[in-house]
Amino acid sequence: MAKDSEQRSYSVDEMMEQLKKGERAKTKSEDAELVTRSDGSKVMRVRRRKRRKDQPASSKSRRRRYGLVTTIGFFVLLVAAGVSLLVVLARFNSKGYREDLEKSLGKSTGAQVGVADLSVNPIKSRAESVKFVWPAGSLPRSLKLSSLEARLKGSSFVSSRLRGRELRARSGSMVLKSPEDTISPLVTKGEELLKFGSYRCSQFDLRYGSENDDSVVRLRGSDLTARPAEDGEGLRFVLSGGFVRLGDWTELKVSTGLGEWNDGAFALKSLYTKSPSSGEAVFKGVKPITADSPSVFDVQLKRFPMGELLGMEALGRLIKGYVDAPSGSLTFDPRDVDSGQLDLSFSGTEISIEGFRFLGGLASILRKEHYARPEGGDITGTLKWDRNQLSIENLKYEVRSHLMLTGKIEVKDQELSGSLRLGVPEVLMMKTLTEPRYSSFSLPQQGYCWTDLELSGSIEQPSDNFLRKLQAAPIKGGKPKPSTSEEGN
């Protein structure tokens, strides 16, 4: 029998290698796909297989242990932080810390300080009230703030010092009196336990001179914001809203105001106000308030009511209308609350006067009722005011072709005085070309016949010598002489 030339014997290793090749070929054929291209050629598309990496069980166990340790550590830190916070809050709300705060505030302000019901926490800190009392002889005498609250910075609980963006108070009141010595800074630079970016009071009242209605300056219901000066040894103030009253003036509505307290002086930079009738009054500091020299403020008025300028219960009852004053001055000595003086040149149109006794007498002899209350006149003059007296000097009031008044009017303790010249058009007063109807009137000058008047009486019952000076000799067929009742008025 012939021997087959292709027959051969295989070793065990060769057989294993052939089996492996078969497995690979089978796998390759399963993953491959015959694809015919658009040009007719055929190719095998092989499907990609994702690699799989088996993770050992020991790695997963280590990761679980690490997460457990982290959780436990975080919980321990949280508990420690909570305990620390409770300890810090207990320190801030203790009697000892409140006393330290009072001492710190007293050291920086020079006053005795009392803090009531202090409550400190990370959400909102509060105090029922804080009161400052300065020794006699200083410019500030007392300051009380009520219903204070603030949101503290996180650093406050680390440094044990109260820090924040703003400290707010619902209401506050301050009393200033004449200083006896150098004015001390309101706040001095130091390591105080209280420091905020601003201090705000929603309803702030201030009185200078006394705590009653006799104060030379009274401020009420204003929104006050104070900020530390850049050098840390002073304060800057911003006022908004509220009302201010200077001496016997009517109460003015505050629009805005700016001031500084620094280097032993208080400077009012500006104060913009409005009258109840919408007139404007602007005050600007020229010389600050110090203990050794008078303070001076520039005053400007725009469409300001005469009644409110002169006082509704004073001369403002007799002269009415609106005036402008482009420049004036208010001066007072801080050591004397009764030293305030106002010097103001004013002018106005459409002014009316009434209540003066001579007006009624003039209307009677001329038989023209509109003379009893002249209207639509132009007025100029200089207003001078202090705590005891108000006067209008260089007065000129004219209703063209109707009458003219010049002279001076004074009011002191509601008593009226002054000297006036009354001018009446010559066409109404001249008896002939050379003789006036009443000898108390002069010959025409500048189109008017003039007579001198002396004012007396009170604001409520003004009086003068007009009727007593009239001659009882009217022209023939002219105006009758004043009646006996008029002469006795």
Protein backbone atom coordinates (compact mmCIF):
# COMPACT_ATOMS: atom_id res chain seq x y z
CA MET A 1 0.00 0.00 0.00
CA ALA A 2 1.34 3.43 -1.01
CA LYS A 3 2.22 5.85 1.70
CA ASP A 4 0.19 9.18 1.75
CA SER A 5 2.66 12.08 1.26
CA GLU A 6 0.41 14.63 3.16
CA GLN A 7 0.02 12.48 6.24
CA ARG A 8 2.11 13.50 9.16
CA SER A 9 2.10 13.13 12.90
CA TYR A 10 1.41 16.02 15.37
CA SER A 11 2.83 16.51 18.74
CA VAL A 12 0.70 17.54 21.72
CA ASP A 13 2.01 21.15 21.59
CA GLU A 14 1.21 21.48 17.95
CA MET A 15 -2.27 20.24 18.52
CA MET A 16 -2.90 22.84 21.25
CA GLU A 17 -1.61 25.63 19.00
CA GLN A 18 -3.96 24.56 16.22
CA LEU A 19 -6.92 24.60 18.60
CA LYS A 20 -6.07 28.15 19.72
CA LYS A 21 -5.85 29.32 16.14
CA GLY A 22 -9.23 27.86 15.48
CA GLU A 23 -10.76 29.69 18.42
CA ARG A 24 -9.28 33.00 17.31
CA ALA A 25 -10.51 32.49 13.79
CA LYS A 26 -13.99 31.68 15.07
CA THR A 27 -14.07 34.75 17.26
CA LYS A 28 -12.80 36.88 14.43
CA SER A 29 -15.44 35.55 12.09
CA GLU A 30 -18.17 36.25 14.66
CA ASP A 31 -16.97 39.84 15.12
CA ALA A 32 -16.48 40.40 11.38
CA GLU A 33 -19.11 41.31 8.83
CA LEU A 34 -18.82 41.17 5.02
CA VAL A 35 -19.75 44.54 3.49
CA THR A 36 -20.07 45.39 -0.21
CA ARG A 37 -18.93 48.89 -1.09
CA SER A 38 -20.60 51.18 -3.64
CA ASP A 39 -17.90 50.32 -6.24
CA GLY A 40 -18.59 46.61 -5.89
CA SER A 41 -15.60 45.70 -3.77
CA LYS A 42 -16.08 43.67 -0.65
CA VAL A 43 -14.46 44.20 2.78
CA MET A 44 -14.77 42.77 6.23
CA ARG A 45 -16.05 45.18 8.91
CA VAL A 46 -14.76 44.25 12.36
CA ARG A 47 -16.78 45.14 15.43
CA ARG A 48 -14.78 46.82 18.19
CA ARG A 49 -14.87 45.22 21.57
CA LYS A 50 -14.82 47.03 24.87
CA ARG A 51 -12.06 46.28 27.24
CA ARG A 52 -13.07 45.18 30.67
CA LYS A 53 -10.93 45.65 33.66
CA ASP A 54 -11.75 43.74 36.73
CA GLN A 55 -11.14 45.62 39.99
CA PRO A 56 -9.86 43.63 42.86
CA ALA A 57 -12.05 43.40 45.97
CA SER A 58 -9.29 44.86 48.15
CA SER A 59 -9.49 48.27 46.33
CA LYS A 60 -13.25 48.59 46.92
CA SER A 61 -12.81 47.80 50.59
CA ARG A 62 -10.15 50.45 51.05
CA ARG A 63 -12.37 53.10 49.46
CA ARG A 64 -15.27 52.26 51.75
CA ARG A 65 -13.06 52.55 54.80
CA TYR A 66 -11.74 55.96 53.61
CA GLY A 67 -15.31 57.34 53.14
CA LEU A 68 -16.29 56.14 56.61
CA VAL A 69 -13.28 57.84 58.20
CA THR A 70 -14.03 61.10 56.32
CA THR A 71 -17.66 61.10 57.49
CA ILE A 72 -16.67 60.49 61.09
CA GLY A 73 -14.03 63.25 60.91
CA PHE A 74 -16.49 65.76 59.46
CA PHE A 75 -19.02 64.92 62.15
CA VAL A 76 -16.38 65.38 64.87
CA LEU A 77 -15.36 68.76 63.40
CA LEU A 78 -19.01 69.82 63.21
CA VAL A 79 -19.59 68.94 66.85
CA ALA A 80 -16.38 70.73 67.86
CA ALA A 81 -17.42 73.85 65.91
CA GLY A 82 -20.86 73.81 67.51
CA VAL A 83 -19.37 73.53 70.99
CA SER A 84 -16.91 76.34 70.22
CA LEU A 85 -19.73 78.55 68.92
CA LEU A 86 -21.77 77.97 72.07
CA VAL A 87 -18.77 78.91 74.19
CA VAL A 88 -18.18 82.08 72.13
CA LEU A 89 -21.86 83.09 72.30
CA ALA A 90 -21.87 82.52 76.03
CA ARG A 91 -18.88 84.85 76.28
CA PHE A 92 -20.53 87.58 74.11
CA ASN A 93 -23.79 87.42 76.08
CA SER A 94 -22.16 87.45 79.49
CA LYS A 95 -22.28 90.32 81.96
CA GLY A 96 -18.51 90.59 81.83
CA TYR A 97 -18.44 91.20 78.10
CA ARG A 98 -21.20 93.84 78.36
CA GLU A 99 -19.16 95.65 81.02
CA ASP A 100 -16.06 95.47 78.82
CA LEU A 101 -18.07 96.94 75.94
CA GLU A 102 -19.30 99.81 78.14
CA LYS A 103 -15.74 100.58 79.24
CA SER A 104 -14.49 100.50 75.65
CA LEU A 105 -17.22 102.86 74.45
CA GLY A 106 -16.62 105.16 77.42
CA LYS A 107 -12.89 105.28 76.68
CA SER A 108 -13.42 106.22 73.02
CA THR A 109 -16.17 108.84 73.66
CA GLY A 110 -15.27 110.25 77.08
CA ALA A 111 -18.77 109.52 78.39
CA GLN A 112 -20.36 107.21 80.92
CA VAL A 113 -22.01 104.43 78.93
CA GLY A 114 -24.84 102.05 79.79
CA VAL A 115 -25.89 99.13 77.58
CA ALA A 116 -29.20 97.38 78.30
CA ASP A 117 -30.23 93.85 77.22
CA LEU A 118 -27.37 93.00 74.86
CA SER A 119 -28.04 89.85 72.80
CA VAL A 120 -25.41 88.53 70.35
CA ASN A 121 -25.89 85.69 67.83
CA PRO A 122 -24.73 84.89 64.26
CA ILE A 123 -28.11 85.79 62.73
CA LYS A 124 -28.86 89.20 64.25
CA SER A 125 -27.52 90.92 67.36
CA ARG A 126 -29.63 93.35 69.39
CA ALA A 127 -29.56 95.76 72.32
CA GLU A 128 -32.59 97.39 73.90
CA SER A 129 -30.80 100.71 74.45
CA VAL A 130 -27.42 102.42 74.75
CA LYS A 131 -27.03 105.65 76.72
CA PHE A 132 -24.09 108.09 76.80
CA VAL A 133 -23.74 110.83 79.44
CA TRP A 134 -20.91 113.36 79.13
CA PRO A 135 -19.52 115.45 82.00
CA ALA A 136 -20.61 119.07 82.51
CA GLY A 137 -18.75 121.57 80.37
CA SER A 138 -18.56 119.48 77.20
CA LEU A 139 -20.52 120.23 74.03
CA PRO A 140 -22.44 116.91 73.97
CA ARG A 141 -24.35 116.22 77.18
CA SER A 142 -26.37 113.09 76.46
CA LEU A 143 -27.18 110.60 73.72
CA LYS A 144 -29.72 107.78 73.94
CA LEU A 145 -30.32 105.16 71.25
CA SER A 146 -33.13 102.60 71.40
CA SER A 147 -33.86 99.27 69.67
CA LEU A 148 -30.42 98.67 68.18
CA GLU A 149 -29.67 95.75 65.87
CA ALA A 150 -26.89 94.59 63.53
CA ARG A 151 -25.69 91.61 61.52
CA LEU A 152 -22.16 90.75 62.63
CA LYS A 153 -19.27 89.61 60.47
CA GLY A 154 -17.92 86.10 61.06
CA SER A 155 -14.59 87.57 62.18
CA SER A 156 -16.36 89.10 65.19
CA PHE A 157 -16.64 85.68 66.84
CA VAL A 158 -12.93 85.06 66.37
CA SER A 159 -11.60 88.45 67.51
CA SER A 160 -14.21 89.04 70.27
CA ARG A 161 -14.88 92.48 68.75
CA LEU A 162 -18.26 93.43 67.32
CA ARG A 163 -17.79 94.15 63.62
CA GLY A 164 -20.32 94.65 60.87
CA ARG A 165 -21.46 96.67 57.91
CA GLU A 166 -24.09 98.78 59.70
CA LEU A 167 -25.48 99.28 63.20
CA ARG A 168 -29.09 100.51 63.17
CA ALA A 169 -31.18 102.16 65.87
CA ARG A 170 -34.92 102.75 65.63
CA SER A 171 -34.84 106.04 67.56
CA GLY A 172 -32.36 108.33 69.26
CA SER A 173 -32.07 111.72 70.97
CA MET A 174 -29.08 113.97 71.68
CA VAL A 175 -28.66 117.12 73.76
CA LEU A 176 -25.90 119.68 73.11
CA LYS A 177 -25.07 122.57 75.43
CA SER A 178 -22.63 125.46 75.46
CA PRO A 179 -19.09 124.13 76.02
CA GLU A 180 -16.93 125.53 78.79
CA ASP A 181 -13.62 124.40 77.35
CA THR A 182 -12.12 122.92 74.19
CA ILE A 183 -14.55 120.70 72.30
CA SER A 184 -13.34 117.12 72.52
CA PRO A 185 -13.59 114.69 69.60
CA LEU A 186 -16.85 112.77 69.69
CA VAL A 187 -14.97 109.51 69.02
CA THR A 188 -11.22 108.94 69.41
CA LYS A 189 -9.20 106.30 67.62
CA GLY A 190 -8.44 103.21 69.71
CA GLU A 191 -8.90 99.48 70.20
CA GLU A 192 -12.61 99.73 70.90
CA LEU A 193 -14.75 96.59 70.94
CA LEU A 194 -17.31 98.12 68.56
CA LYS A 195 -16.60 98.98 64.94
CA PHE A 196 -19.07 99.27 62.06
CA GLY A 197 -18.94 100.79 58.63
CA SER A 198 -21.87 103.09 59.44
CA TYR A 199 -24.27 103.92 62.28
CA ARG A 200 -27.88 104.74 61.39
CA CYS A 201 -30.83 106.07 63.39
CA SER A 202 -34.24 106.16 61.70
CA GLN A 203 -35.88 108.70 64.06
CA PHE A 204 -33.21 111.06 65.41
CA ASP A 205 -33.90 114.13 67.61
CA LEU A 206 -31.38 116.81 68.60
CA ARG A 207 -31.62 119.87 70.83
CA TYR A 208 -29.01 122.56 71.34
CA GLY A 209 -29.23 124.67 74.48
CA SER A 210 -31.74 122.76 76.59
CA GLU A 211 -34.02 119.76 76.56
CA ASN A 212 -37.22 121.82 76.29
CA ASP A 213 -38.83 123.99 73.64
CA ASP A 214 -36.52 126.93 74.44
CA SER A 215 -33.65 125.27 72.55
CA VAL A 216 -31.99 127.50 69.99
CA VAL A 217 -31.86 124.56 67.54
CA ARG A 218 -34.35 121.69 67.49
CA LEU A 219 -34.17 118.75 65.11
CA ARG A 220 -36.75 115.97 65.16
CA GLY A 221 -37.67 112.85 63.21
CA SER A 222 -34.63 112.88 60.93
CA ASP A 223 -32.91 109.84 59.40
CA LEU A 224 -29.27 110.14 60.54
CA THR A 225 -26.32 108.13 59.21
CA ALA A 226 -22.85 108.54 60.72
CA ARG A 227 -19.65 107.09 59.26
CA PRO A 228 -16.15 107.11 60.75
CA ALA A 229 -13.76 109.60 59.18
CA GLU A 230 -10.82 108.26 57.21
CA ASP A 231 -8.38 109.03 60.02
CA GLY A 232 -10.60 107.15 62.49
CA GLU A 233 -10.84 110.09 64.92
CA GLY A 234 -14.04 111.76 63.77
CA LEU A 235 -17.48 111.19 62.31
CA ARG A 236 -19.30 112.35 59.20
CA PHE A 237 -23.06 112.82 59.33
CA VAL A 238 -25.77 112.65 56.68
CA LEU A 239 -29.31 113.87 57.47
CA SER A 240 -32.40 113.05 55.49
CA GLY A 241 -35.99 114.05 56.23
CA GLY A 242 -37.35 115.29 59.53
CA PHE A 243 -37.87 118.87 60.74
CA VAL A 244 -35.61 121.60 62.14
CA ARG A 245 -36.46 124.80 63.99
CA LEU A 246 -34.09 127.71 64.65
CA GLY A 247 -35.12 129.91 67.54
CA ASP A 248 -38.57 131.41 66.95
CA TRP A 249 -38.61 130.52 63.26
CA THR A 250 -41.26 128.28 61.91
CA GLU A 251 -40.38 124.60 61.68
CA LEU A 252 -38.60 123.74 58.42
CA LYS A 253 -38.68 120.39 56.65
CA VAL A 254 -35.20 118.91 56.14
CA SER A 255 -34.31 117.66 52.66
CA THR A 256 -30.66 116.71 53.17
CA GLY A 257 -27.79 117.75 55.41
CA LEU A 258 -24.06 117.08 55.75
CA GLY A 259 -21.83 117.59 58.78
CA GLU A 260 -18.51 116.60 60.35
CA TRP A 261 -17.31 116.28 63.92
CA ASN A 262 -13.53 116.18 63.95
CA ASP A 263 -10.45 117.78 65.49
CA GLY A 264 -12.32 119.51 68.30
CA ALA A 265 -14.94 121.17 66.07
CA PHE A 266 -18.34 120.49 64.55
CA ALA A 267 -18.81 121.73 60.99
CA LEU A 268 -22.20 121.92 59.30
CA LYS A 269 -21.29 121.59 55.65
CA SER A 270 -24.80 122.10 54.30
CA LEU A 271 -28.43 121.88 55.32
CA TYR A 272 -31.18 122.04 52.69
CA THR A 273 -34.67 122.72 54.04
CA LYS A 274 -38.17 123.58 52.84
CA SER A 275 -40.90 125.55 54.51
CA PRO A 276 -44.41 124.09 54.92
CA SER A 277 -45.36 126.30 51.96
CA SER A 278 -42.56 124.89 49.77
CA GLY A 279 -40.10 127.78 50.14
CA GLU A 280 -36.43 126.76 50.34
CA ALA A 281 -33.77 127.70 52.92
CA VAL A 282 -30.14 126.62 52.53
CA PHE A 283 -27.57 126.81 55.35
CA LYS A 284 -23.85 126.30 54.73
CA GLY A 285 -21.09 126.37 57.31
CA VAL A 286 -18.49 129.13 56.96
CA LYS A 287 -16.83 128.80 60.36
CA PRO A 288 -17.28 125.56 62.36
CA ILE A 289 -18.59 125.33 65.91
CA THR A 290 -15.64 125.63 68.30
CA ALA A 291 -15.34 126.65 71.95
CA ASP A 292 -13.22 129.78 71.38
CA SER A 293 -14.89 131.68 68.52
CA PRO A 294 -18.35 132.41 67.06
CA SER A 295 -19.69 130.14 64.34
CA VAL A 296 -20.91 131.54 61.03
CA PHE A 297 -23.32 130.03 58.50
CA ASP A 298 -24.26 131.35 55.10
CA VAL A 299 -28.05 131.52 54.55
CA GLN A 300 -29.95 131.55 51.25
CA LEU A 301 -33.71 131.79 50.78
CA LYS A 302 -35.75 130.97 47.67
CA ARG A 303 -39.44 131.92 47.46
CA PHE A 304 -39.64 131.83 51.24
CA PRO A 305 -42.91 132.86 52.95
CA MET A 306 -42.65 136.08 54.94
CA GLY A 307 -45.06 134.71 57.52
CA GLU A 308 -42.73 131.81 58.29
CA LEU A 309 -39.59 133.94 58.09
CA LEU A 310 -40.90 136.56 60.53
CA GLY A 311 -42.92 134.15 62.66
CA MET A 312 -46.60 133.33 62.31
CA GLU A 313 -47.23 134.63 65.84
CA ALA A 314 -45.00 137.68 65.35
CA LEU A 315 -44.47 140.16 62.50
CA GLY A 316 -45.47 137.48 60.00
CA ARG A 317 -49.10 138.23 60.88
CA LEU A 318 -48.75 141.74 59.42
CA ILE A 319 -46.58 141.19 56.32
CA LYS A 320 -47.36 138.34 53.91
CA GLY A 321 -45.91 137.07 50.65
CA TYR A 322 -42.76 135.37 49.35
CA VAL A 323 -39.20 136.73 49.32
CA ASP A 324 -35.76 135.74 48.05
CA ALA A 325 -32.46 136.24 49.86
CA PRO A 326 -29.39 135.32 47.79
CA SER A 327 -27.02 135.80 50.70
CA GLY A 328 -27.19 136.27 54.45
CA SER A 329 -25.43 135.15 57.61
CA LEU A 330 -26.36 133.35 60.81
CA THR A 331 -23.86 133.82 63.64
CA PHE A 332 -23.83 132.51 67.19
CA ASP A 333 -21.37 131.85 69.99
CA PRO A 334 -21.50 128.18 71.09
CA ARG A 335 -20.78 129.30 74.66
CA ASP A 336 -24.02 131.33 74.76
CA VAL A 337 -27.20 129.76 73.41
CA ASP A 338 -28.90 133.19 73.35
CA SER A 339 -26.27 134.71 71.07
CA GLY A 340 -27.77 133.74 67.71
CA GLN A 341 -27.97 136.57 65.16
CA LEU A 342 -29.41 136.57 61.65
CA ASP A 343 -28.57 139.25 59.09
CA LEU A 344 -30.46 138.80 55.83
CA SER A 345 -31.11 141.13 52.90
CA PHE A 346 -34.31 140.17 51.09
CA SER A 347 -36.60 141.23 48.27
CA GLY A 348 -40.01 140.13 47.06
CA THR A 349 -43.02 140.91 44.90
CA GLU A 350 -46.76 140.48 45.34
CA ILE A 351 -46.47 141.37 49.04
CA SER A 352 -49.49 142.39 51.12
CA ILE A 353 -49.58 144.18 54.47
CA GLU A 354 -52.46 144.32 56.94
CA GLY A 355 -53.31 144.92 60.56
CA PHE A 356 -51.42 148.22 60.95
CA ARG A 357 -53.70 150.86 62.45
CA PHE A 358 -52.63 153.67 60.09
CA LEU A 359 -53.91 151.66 57.11
CA GLY A 360 -57.47 151.81 58.45
CA GLY A 361 -57.13 155.57 59.07
CA LEU A 362 -55.78 156.12 55.56
CA ALA A 363 -58.65 154.17 54.01
CA SER A 364 -61.07 156.28 56.06
CA ILE A 365 -59.79 159.72 55.06
CA LEU A 366 -59.36 158.74 51.43
CA ARG A 367 -62.58 156.72 51.34
CA LYS A 368 -60.82 153.91 49.49
CA GLU A 369 -61.22 150.55 51.19
CA HIS A 370 -58.32 148.88 49.38
CA TYR A 371 -55.93 151.05 51.41
CA ALA A 372 -56.87 149.02 54.49
CA ARG A 373 -55.04 146.02 53.04
CA PRO A 374 -52.62 146.93 50.25
CA GLU A 375 -51.71 144.04 47.95
CA GLY A 376 -49.29 143.35 45.11
CA GLY A 377 -46.45 145.49 46.47
CA ASP A 378 -42.69 145.19 46.02
CA ILE A 379 -40.57 144.94 49.17
CA THR A 380 -36.89 145.15 50.05
CA GLY A 381 -35.16 145.27 53.41
CA THR A 382 -32.69 143.76 55.82
CA LEU A 383 -33.93 141.32 58.42
CA LYS A 384 -32.05 141.22 61.71
CA TRP A 385 -32.93 138.64 64.33
CA ASP A 386 -31.59 137.50 67.68
CA ARG A 387 -33.12 135.62 70.58
CA ASN A 388 -34.79 138.74 71.99
CA GLN A 389 -35.59 140.98 69.03
CA LEU A 390 -36.57 140.93 65.37
CA SER A 391 -36.32 143.97 63.13
CA ILE A 392 -36.64 144.98 59.49
CA GLU A 393 -34.23 147.77 58.60
CA ASN A 394 -33.97 149.76 55.37
CA LEU A 395 -37.56 148.77 54.65
CA LYS A 396 -39.08 149.87 51.37
CA TYR A 397 -42.59 148.76 50.42
CA GLU A 398 -44.35 150.19 47.40
CA VAL A 399 -47.59 149.55 45.59
CA ARG A 400 -46.94 151.62 42.51
CA SER A 401 -49.14 154.75 42.25
CA HIS A 402 -50.89 153.67 45.45
CA LEU A 403 -48.60 154.11 48.48
CA MET A 404 -45.03 153.75 49.71
CA LEU A 405 -43.55 152.89 53.11
CA THR A 406 -39.94 153.28 54.21
CA GLY A 407 -38.20 153.02 57.57
CA LYS A 408 -37.74 150.45 60.31
CA ILE A 409 -39.98 148.03 62.23
CA GLU A 410 -39.00 146.31 65.49
CA VAL A 411 -40.62 143.56 67.55
CA LYS A 412 -39.38 142.67 71.04
CA ASP A 413 -41.32 140.40 73.38
CA GLN A 414 -44.34 140.82 71.08
CA GLU A 415 -44.21 144.61 71.54
CA LEU A 416 -44.22 146.68 68.34
CA SER A 417 -42.09 149.77 67.70
CA GLY A 418 -40.36 151.57 64.86
CA SER A 419 -40.38 154.64 62.65
CA LEU A 420 -41.97 154.76 59.19
CA ARG A 421 -42.53 157.29 56.44
CA LEU A 422 -45.86 156.91 54.66
CA GLY A 423 -46.21 158.24 51.14
CA VAL A 424 -49.60 158.87 49.45
CA PRO A 425 -49.93 159.85 45.78
CA GLU A 426 -50.08 163.64 45.42
CA VAL A 427 -53.23 163.44 43.30
CA LEU A 428 -55.08 162.12 46.36
CA MET A 429 -53.49 164.28 49.02
CA MET A 430 -52.92 167.76 47.51
CA LYS A 431 -55.63 170.35 48.31
CA THR A 432 -54.12 172.84 45.90
CA LEU A 433 -50.93 172.92 43.89
CA THR A 434 -49.11 174.26 46.95
CA GLU A 435 -51.11 172.96 49.93
CA PRO A 436 -51.85 169.35 51.04
CA ARG A 437 -55.20 168.47 52.61
CA TYR A 438 -53.52 167.66 55.94
CA SER A 439 -50.63 169.64 57.28
CA SER A 440 -49.04 166.48 58.65
CA PHE A 441 -48.27 165.52 55.03
CA SER A 442 -45.42 167.16 53.15
CA LEU A 443 -45.42 168.70 49.71
CA PRO A 444 -44.92 166.19 46.89
CA GLN A 445 -41.60 164.41 46.57
CA GLN A 446 -41.11 161.71 43.95
CA GLY A 447 -44.85 161.81 43.28
CA TYR A 448 -45.89 161.23 46.92
CA CYS A 449 -46.87 163.35 49.90
CA TRP A 450 -45.15 162.10 53.07
CA THR A 451 -45.88 161.85 56.78
CA ASP A 452 -43.84 160.31 59.62
CA LEU A 453 -45.27 157.56 61.81
CA GLU A 454 -44.26 156.08 65.15
CA LEU A 455 -45.36 152.49 65.72
CA SER A 456 -46.43 151.19 69.13
CA GLY A 457 -48.72 148.63 70.74
CA SER A 458 -48.38 144.89 70.33
CA ILE A 459 -48.45 142.41 67.49
CA GLU A 460 -52.04 141.52 68.38
CA GLN A 461 -53.10 145.19 68.66
CA PRO A 462 -50.77 147.42 66.61
CA SER A 463 -50.99 151.15 67.21
CA ASP A 464 -49.40 154.37 65.85
CA ASN A 465 -49.76 158.18 65.91
CA PHE A 466 -51.28 158.59 62.43
CA LEU A 467 -54.74 159.85 63.41
CA ARG A 468 -53.43 162.09 66.15
CA LYS A 469 -51.30 163.98 63.62
CA LEU A 470 -54.05 164.61 61.09
CA GLN A 471 -55.43 168.09 60.81
CA ALA A 472 -59.23 168.47 60.98
CA ALA A 473 -59.36 170.92 58.10
CA PRO A 474 -60.33 169.11 54.89
CA ILE A 475 -60.78 171.06 51.71
CA LYS A 476 -64.12 172.67 51.06
CA GLY A 477 -66.47 170.09 49.71
CA GLY A 478 -63.72 167.49 50.13
CA LYS A 479 -63.21 164.60 52.47
CA PRO A 480 -64.63 164.99 56.01
CA LYS A 481 -62.35 165.05 59.00
CA PRO A 482 -61.82 161.79 60.95
CA SER A 483 -64.59 160.93 63.38
CA THR A 484 -64.13 161.10 67.13
CA SER A 485 -64.16 157.32 67.31
CA GLU A 486 -61.31 157.15 64.77
CA GLU A 487 -59.26 159.66 66.77
CA GLY A 488 -59.66 157.58 69.87
CA ASN A 489 -58.61 154.30 68.26
